[in-house]
Amino acid sequence: MKKVLFLTGDFTEDYETMVPFQMLEMIGYTVHAVCPDKKKGDTIKTAIHDFEGDQTYSEKPGHNFVLNYSFDQVDVNNYDGLVIAGGRAPEYLRLNAKVIEITQHFFTTNKPVAAICHGIQILTAANVVKGRKLTAYPAVGPEVTLAGGEFQSIAVDGAFVDGNLVTSPAWPAHPAFIREFLKILGTKIEV
């Protein structure tokens, strides 16, 4: 059975945590949702980001999400893939040295990584996007470029794959985002 590490935190985007977590568990993977300075059973607060015609997304309170694994117990060698949720959490999670080390491990070992929306801020801080093609929420595009990546402007419901990396602009892309992540994990779903 495959194991996936899922990085999230307070004020992560609600859908970008809840939906991929549940989809990956539905497939049968063991998914460890973690946040620095929190342990199994702790909750994080989420935020709902919506696209309502304003110059940027709106934000509303989301659900409380219960973490099912302790961050301090993470051993990166035990995981087959990494998922990084978006929202506001990545802006402070990228300041945590262990988050950066974890992210770098998945790239140096060429394990599958999926990051969505602002989750790409962790990738840029980890210095793993140089020479890579990827997408993100458009406001994160300049960070991708400054970090040496080649920002891909795609539809909000699309996913972009570059080797072991799957990225998407925002939660409307979940079907494509998870489908492409499953492919690079080697999962085949027959209908």
C-alpha atoms as a PDB file:
ATOM      1  CA  MET A   1       0.000   0.000   0.000  1.00  0.00           C
ATOM      2  CA  LYS A   2       1.333   3.432  -0.934  1.00  0.00           C
ATOM      3  CA  LYS A   3       1.886   6.115   1.687  1.00  0.00           C
ATOM      4  CA  VAL A   4       1.513   9.815   0.986  1.00  0.00           C
ATOM      5  CA  LEU A   5       2.675  12.698   3.151  1.00  0.00           C
ATOM      6  CA  PHE A   6       0.251  15.628   3.117  1.00  0.00           C
ATOM      7  CA  LEU A   7       1.545  19.050   4.242  1.00  0.00           C
ATOM      8  CA  THR A   8      -1.086  21.507   5.421  1.00  0.00           C
ATOM      9  CA  GLY A   9      -1.589  24.114   8.132  1.00  0.00           C
ATOM     10  CA  ASP A  10      -3.803  26.760   9.670  1.00  0.00           C
ATOM     11  CA  PHE A  11      -5.727  28.747   7.068  1.00  0.00           C
ATOM     12  CA  THR A  12      -4.932  26.346   4.307  1.00  0.00           C
ATOM     13  CA  GLU A  13      -7.567  26.409   1.585  1.00  0.00           C
ATOM     14  CA  ASP A  14     -10.426  24.179   2.750  1.00  0.00           C
ATOM     15  CA  TYR A  15     -11.034  22.270  -0.488  1.00  0.00           C
ATOM     16  CA  GLU A  16      -7.303  21.954  -1.177  1.00  0.00           C
ATOM     17  CA  THR A  17      -6.899  20.044   2.057  1.00  0.00           C
ATOM     18  CA  MET A  18     -10.188  18.179   2.444  1.00  0.00           C
ATOM     19  CA  VAL A  19     -10.741  16.996  -1.118  1.00  0.00           C
ATOM     20  CA  PRO A  20      -7.271  15.627  -2.066  1.00  0.00           C
ATOM     21  CA  PHE A  21      -6.926  14.034   1.378  1.00  0.00           C
ATOM     22  CA  GLN A  22     -10.264  12.236   0.979  1.00  0.00           C
ATOM     23  CA  MET A  23      -9.641  11.317  -2.671  1.00  0.00           C
ATOM     24  CA  LEU A  24      -6.299   9.709  -1.877  1.00  0.00           C
ATOM     25  CA  GLU A  25      -7.758   7.795   1.055  1.00  0.00           C
ATOM     26  CA  MET A  26     -10.623   6.652  -1.184  1.00  0.00           C
ATOM     27  CA  ILE A  27      -8.061   5.090  -3.541  1.00  0.00           C
ATOM     28  CA  GLY A  28      -6.708   3.137  -0.579  1.00  0.00           C
ATOM     29  CA  TYR A  29      -3.530   5.067   0.181  1.00  0.00           C
ATOM     30  CA  THR A  30      -2.340   5.754   3.703  1.00  0.00           C
ATOM     31  CA  VAL A  31      -2.301   9.554   3.899  1.00  0.00           C
ATOM     32  CA  HIS A  32      -0.555  11.290   6.796  1.00  0.00           C
ATOM     33  CA  ALA A  33      -1.818  14.877   7.124  1.00  0.00           C
ATOM     34  CA  VAL A  34       0.694  16.894   9.134  1.00  0.00           C
ATOM     35  CA  CYS A  35       1.483  20.435  10.207  1.00  0.00           C
ATOM     36  CA  PRO A  36       4.591  21.746  11.986  1.00  0.00           C
ATOM     37  CA  ASP A  37       4.198  22.167  15.756  1.00  0.00           C
ATOM     38  CA  LYS A  38       1.059  20.005  15.745  1.00  0.00           C
ATOM     39  CA  LYS A  39       0.450  16.368  16.522  1.00  0.00           C
ATOM     40  CA  LYS A  40      -2.039  13.657  15.661  1.00  0.00           C
ATOM     41  CA  GLY A  41      -5.521  14.688  16.809  1.00  0.00           C
ATOM     42  CA  ASP A  42      -4.833  18.436  16.693  1.00  0.00           C
ATOM     43  CA  THR A  43      -6.961  20.524  14.359  1.00  0.00           C
ATOM     44  CA  ILE A  44      -6.136  23.199  11.846  1.00  0.00           C
ATOM     45  CA  LYS A  45      -8.517  25.932  10.742  1.00  0.00           C
ATOM     46  CA  THR A  46      -9.176  26.144   7.028  1.00  0.00           C
ATOM     47  CA  ALA A  47     -10.347  29.013   4.830  1.00  0.00           C
ATOM     48  CA  ILE A  48     -12.629  28.863   1.810  1.00  0.00           C
ATOM     49  CA  HIS A  49     -11.281  30.784  -1.154  1.00  0.00           C
ATOM     50  CA  ASP A  50     -13.768  31.550  -3.886  1.00  0.00           C
ATOM     51  CA  PHE A  51     -13.728  33.303  -7.224  1.00  0.00           C
ATOM     52  CA  GLU A  52     -16.581  35.800  -7.184  1.00  0.00           C
ATOM     53  CA  GLY A  53     -15.506  38.399  -9.741  1.00  0.00           C
ATOM     54  CA  ASP A  54     -13.250  40.446  -7.465  1.00  0.00           C
ATOM     55  CA  GLN A  55      -9.651  41.317  -8.322  1.00  0.00           C
ATOM     56  CA  THR A  56      -8.557  38.347  -6.217  1.00  0.00           C
ATOM     57  CA  TYR A  57     -10.239  35.457  -4.443  1.00  0.00           C
ATOM     58  CA  SER A  58     -12.518  36.069  -1.479  1.00  0.00           C
ATOM     59  CA  GLU A  59     -11.917  34.320   1.836  1.00  0.00           C
ATOM     60  CA  LYS A  60     -14.407  32.861   4.282  1.00  0.00           C
ATOM     61  CA  PRO A  61     -14.048  30.607   7.336  1.00  0.00           C
ATOM     62  CA  GLY A  62     -13.796  26.937   6.466  1.00  0.00           C
ATOM     63  CA  HIS A  63     -13.943  23.748   8.478  1.00  0.00           C
ATOM     64  CA  ASN A  64     -11.700  22.453  11.201  1.00  0.00           C
ATOM     65  CA  PHE A  65      -9.549  19.626   9.849  1.00  0.00           C
ATOM     66  CA  VAL A  66      -8.184  16.971  12.217  1.00  0.00           C
ATOM     67  CA  LEU A  67      -4.568  15.990  11.588  1.00  0.00           C
ATOM     68  CA  ASN A  68      -4.060  12.234  11.607  1.00  0.00           C
ATOM     69  CA  TYR A  69      -0.285  12.124  12.155  1.00  0.00           C
ATOM     70  CA  SER A  70       2.303  14.007  14.200  1.00  0.00           C
ATOM     71  CA  PHE A  71       4.735  16.206  12.280  1.00  0.00           C
ATOM     72  CA  ASP A  72       7.623  15.289  14.583  1.00  0.00           C
ATOM     73  CA  GLN A  73       7.191  11.592  13.690  1.00  0.00           C
ATOM     74  CA  VAL A  74       7.584  12.072   9.927  1.00  0.00           C
ATOM     75  CA  ASP A  75      10.324   9.931   8.370  1.00  0.00           C
ATOM     76  CA  VAL A  76      10.452  10.936   4.703  1.00  0.00           C
ATOM     77  CA  ASN A  77      11.872   7.557   3.724  1.00  0.00           C
ATOM     78  CA  ASN A  78       8.506   5.950   4.562  1.00  0.00           C
ATOM     79  CA  TYR A  79       6.537   7.855   1.902  1.00  0.00           C
ATOM     80  CA  ASP A  80       5.936   7.300  -1.799  1.00  0.00           C
ATOM     81  CA  GLY A  81       4.696  10.820  -2.526  1.00  0.00           C
ATOM     82  CA  LEU A  82       4.112  14.321  -1.185  1.00  0.00           C
ATOM     83  CA  VAL A  83       1.076  16.606  -1.492  1.00  0.00           C
ATOM     84  CA  ILE A  84       1.230  20.281  -0.540  1.00  0.00           C
ATOM     85  CA  ALA A  85      -2.043  22.144  -0.007  1.00  0.00           C
ATOM     86  CA  GLY A  86      -2.475  25.819  -0.863  1.00  0.00           C
ATOM     87  CA  GLY A  87      -4.187  28.714   0.850  1.00  0.00           C
ATOM     88  CA  ARG A  88      -2.373  31.009   3.265  1.00  0.00           C
ATOM     89  CA  ALA A  89      -0.572  28.245   5.175  1.00  0.00           C
ATOM     90  CA  PRO A  90       2.348  27.906   2.718  1.00  0.00           C
ATOM     91  CA  GLU A  91       3.451  31.506   3.315  1.00  0.00           C
ATOM     92  CA  TYR A  92       4.474  30.601   6.871  1.00  0.00           C
ATOM     93  CA  LEU A  93       5.086  26.842   6.471  1.00  0.00           C
ATOM     94  CA  ARG A  94       7.956  27.674   4.109  1.00  0.00           C
ATOM     95  CA  LEU A  95       9.734  29.315   7.052  1.00  0.00           C
ATOM     96  CA  ASN A  96      10.039  25.939   8.806  1.00  0.00           C
ATOM     97  CA  ALA A  97      13.424  24.289   8.160  1.00  0.00           C
ATOM     98  CA  LYS A  98      12.018  20.753   8.408  1.00  0.00           C
ATOM     99  CA  VAL A  99       9.298  21.552   5.834  1.00  0.00           C
ATOM    100  CA  ILE A 100      12.045  22.683   3.468  1.00  0.00           C
ATOM    101  CA  GLU A 101      14.126  19.542   4.153  1.00  0.00           C
ATOM    102  CA  ILE A 102      11.095  17.316   3.588  1.00  0.00           C
ATOM    103  CA  THR A 103      10.324  19.014   0.278  1.00  0.00           C
ATOM    104  CA  GLN A 104      13.914  18.787  -0.902  1.00  0.00           C
ATOM    105  CA  HIS A 105      14.018  15.060  -0.060  1.00  0.00           C
ATOM    106  CA  PHE A 106      11.130  14.305  -2.431  1.00  0.00           C
ATOM    107  CA  PHE A 107      12.943  16.111  -5.249  1.00  0.00           C
ATOM    108  CA  THR A 108      16.402  14.639  -4.647  1.00  0.00           C
ATOM    109  CA  THR A 109      14.881  11.144  -4.560  1.00  0.00           C
ATOM    110  CA  ASN A 110      12.605  11.908  -7.546  1.00  0.00           C
ATOM    111  CA  LYS A 111       9.478  10.830  -5.667  1.00  0.00           C
ATOM    112  CA  PRO A 112       6.089  12.154  -6.876  1.00  0.00           C
ATOM    113  CA  VAL A 113       5.108  15.628  -5.640  1.00  0.00           C
ATOM    114  CA  ALA A 114       1.785  17.418  -6.084  1.00  0.00           C
ATOM    115  CA  ALA A 115       1.410  21.077  -5.106  1.00  0.00           C
ATOM    116  CA  ILE A 116      -1.569  23.318  -5.687  1.00  0.00           C
ATOM    117  CA  CYS A 117      -2.260  27.060  -5.654  1.00  0.00           C
ATOM    118  CA  HIS A 118      -0.042  28.805  -3.063  1.00  0.00           C
ATOM    119  CA  GLY A 119       1.511  25.464  -2.070  1.00  0.00           C
ATOM    120  CA  ILE A 120       4.070  26.217  -4.757  1.00  0.00           C
ATOM    121  CA  GLN A 121       5.503  28.865  -2.372  1.00  0.00           C
ATOM    122  CA  ILE A 122       7.003  25.984  -0.407  1.00  0.00           C
ATOM    123  CA  LEU A 123       8.633  24.660  -3.590  1.00  0.00           C
ATOM    124  CA  THR A 124      10.161  28.036  -4.429  1.00  0.00           C
ATOM    125  CA  ALA A 125      11.479  28.461  -0.864  1.00  0.00           C
ATOM    126  CA  ALA A 126      12.959  24.943  -1.014  1.00  0.00           C
ATOM    127  CA  ASN A 127      14.851  25.932  -4.165  1.00  0.00           C
ATOM    128  CA  VAL A 128      13.568  22.953  -6.167  1.00  0.00           C
ATOM    129  CA  VAL A 129      11.914  24.636  -9.175  1.00  0.00           C
ATOM    130  CA  LYS A 130      14.981  25.862 -11.066  1.00  0.00           C
ATOM    131  CA  GLY A 131      14.714  24.621 -14.646  1.00  0.00           C
ATOM    132  CA  ARG A 132      11.267  23.112 -14.024  1.00  0.00           C
ATOM    133  CA  LYS A 133       7.973  23.943 -15.739  1.00  0.00           C
ATOM    134  CA  LEU A 134       5.078  24.383 -13.333  1.00  0.00           C
ATOM    135  CA  THR A 135       1.968  26.347 -12.580  1.00  0.00           C
ATOM    136  CA  ALA A 136       0.475  27.936  -9.462  1.00  0.00           C
ATOM    137  CA  TYR A 137      -2.117  30.495  -8.498  1.00  0.00           C
ATOM    138  CA  PRO A 138      -1.251  33.400 -10.853  1.00  0.00           C
ATOM    139  CA  ALA A 139      -0.181  35.666  -7.968  1.00  0.00           C
ATOM    140  CA  VAL A 140       2.581  33.125  -7.192  1.00  0.00           C
ATOM    141  CA  GLY A 141       3.832  33.172 -10.796  1.00  0.00           C
ATOM    142  CA  PRO A 142       6.486  35.863 -10.160  1.00  0.00           C
ATOM    143  CA  GLU A 143       7.932  33.737  -7.324  1.00  0.00           C
ATOM    144  CA  VAL A 144       8.213  30.757  -9.669  1.00  0.00           C
ATOM    145  CA  THR A 145      10.105  32.900 -12.191  1.00  0.00           C
ATOM    146  CA  LEU A 146      12.396  34.435  -9.550  1.00  0.00           C
ATOM    147  CA  ALA A 147      13.194  30.915  -8.278  1.00  0.00           C
ATOM    148  CA  GLY A 148      14.294  29.870 -11.775  1.00  0.00           C
ATOM    149  CA  GLY A 149      11.155  27.979 -12.784  1.00  0.00           C
ATOM    150  CA  GLU A 150       9.182  28.436 -15.975  1.00  0.00           C
ATOM    151  CA  PHE A 151       5.678  29.518 -14.964  1.00  0.00           C
ATOM    152  CA  GLN A 152       2.911  27.934 -17.034  1.00  0.00           C
ATOM    153  CA  SER A 153      -0.285  29.960 -17.359  1.00  0.00           C
ATOM    154  CA  ILE A 154      -3.049  27.359 -17.679  1.00  0.00           C
ATOM    155  CA  ALA A 155      -6.790  27.191 -17.066  1.00  0.00           C
ATOM    156  CA  VAL A 156      -7.843  27.166 -13.414  1.00  0.00           C
ATOM    157  CA  ASP A 157      -9.180  23.627 -13.815  1.00  0.00           C
ATOM    158  CA  GLY A 158      -6.003  22.229 -15.363  1.00  0.00           C
ATOM    159  CA  ALA A 159      -2.909  20.447 -14.115  1.00  0.00           C
ATOM    160  CA  PHE A 160       0.656  20.645 -15.378  1.00  0.00           C
ATOM    161  CA  VAL A 161       3.077  17.733 -15.174  1.00  0.00           C
ATOM    162  CA  ASP A 162       6.860  17.996 -15.353  1.00  0.00           C
ATOM    163  CA  GLY A 163       8.486  14.675 -14.530  1.00  0.00           C
ATOM    164  CA  ASN A 164       7.713  13.823 -10.893  1.00  0.00           C
ATOM    165  CA  LEU A 165       5.915  17.154 -10.284  1.00  0.00           C
ATOM    166  CA  VAL A 166       2.200  17.890 -10.687  1.00  0.00           C
ATOM    167  CA  THR A 167       0.967  21.449 -10.120  1.00  0.00           C
ATOM    168  CA  SER A 168      -2.373  23.216 -10.482  1.00  0.00           C
ATOM    169  CA  PRO A 169      -3.592  26.804 -10.097  1.00  0.00           C
ATOM    170  CA  ALA A 170      -6.441  26.191  -7.620  1.00  0.00           C
ATOM    171  CA  TRP A 171      -9.099  23.813  -6.306  1.00  0.00           C
ATOM    172  CA  PRO A 172     -11.255  23.755  -9.484  1.00  0.00           C
ATOM    173  CA  ALA A 173      -8.453  21.563 -10.882  1.00  0.00           C
ATOM    174  CA  HIS A 174      -8.874  18.724  -8.382  1.00  0.00           C
ATOM    175  CA  PRO A 175     -10.025  16.096 -10.921  1.00  0.00           C
ATOM    176  CA  ALA A 176      -7.030  16.758 -13.206  1.00  0.00           C
ATOM    177  CA  PHE A 177      -4.630  17.375 -10.300  1.00  0.00           C
ATOM    178  CA  ILE A 178      -5.359  14.082  -8.534  1.00  0.00           C
ATOM    179  CA  ARG A 179      -5.631  12.110 -11.796  1.00  0.00           C
ATOM    180  CA  GLU A 180      -2.136  13.243 -12.842  1.00  0.00           C
ATOM    181  CA  PHE A 181      -0.694  12.658  -9.361  1.00  0.00           C
ATOM    182  CA  LEU A 182      -2.089   9.120  -9.356  1.00  0.00           C
ATOM    183  CA  LYS A 183      -0.457   8.507 -12.749  1.00  0.00           C
ATOM    184  CA  ILE A 184       3.003   9.488 -11.532  1.00  0.00           C
ATOM    185  CA  LEU A 185       2.460   7.364  -8.411  1.00  0.00           C
ATOM    186  CA  GLY A 186       1.870   4.438 -10.762  1.00  0.00           C
ATOM    187  CA  THR A 187      -1.796   3.975  -9.892  1.00  0.00           C
ATOM    188  CA  LYS A 188      -4.140   2.618 -12.552  1.00  0.00           C
ATOM    189  CA  ILE A 189      -7.884   2.945 -12.188  1.00  0.00           C
ATOM    190  CA  GLU A 190      -9.929   0.883 -14.582  1.00  0.00           C
ATOM    191  CA  VAL A 191     -13.549   1.703 -15.255  1.00  0.00           C
END
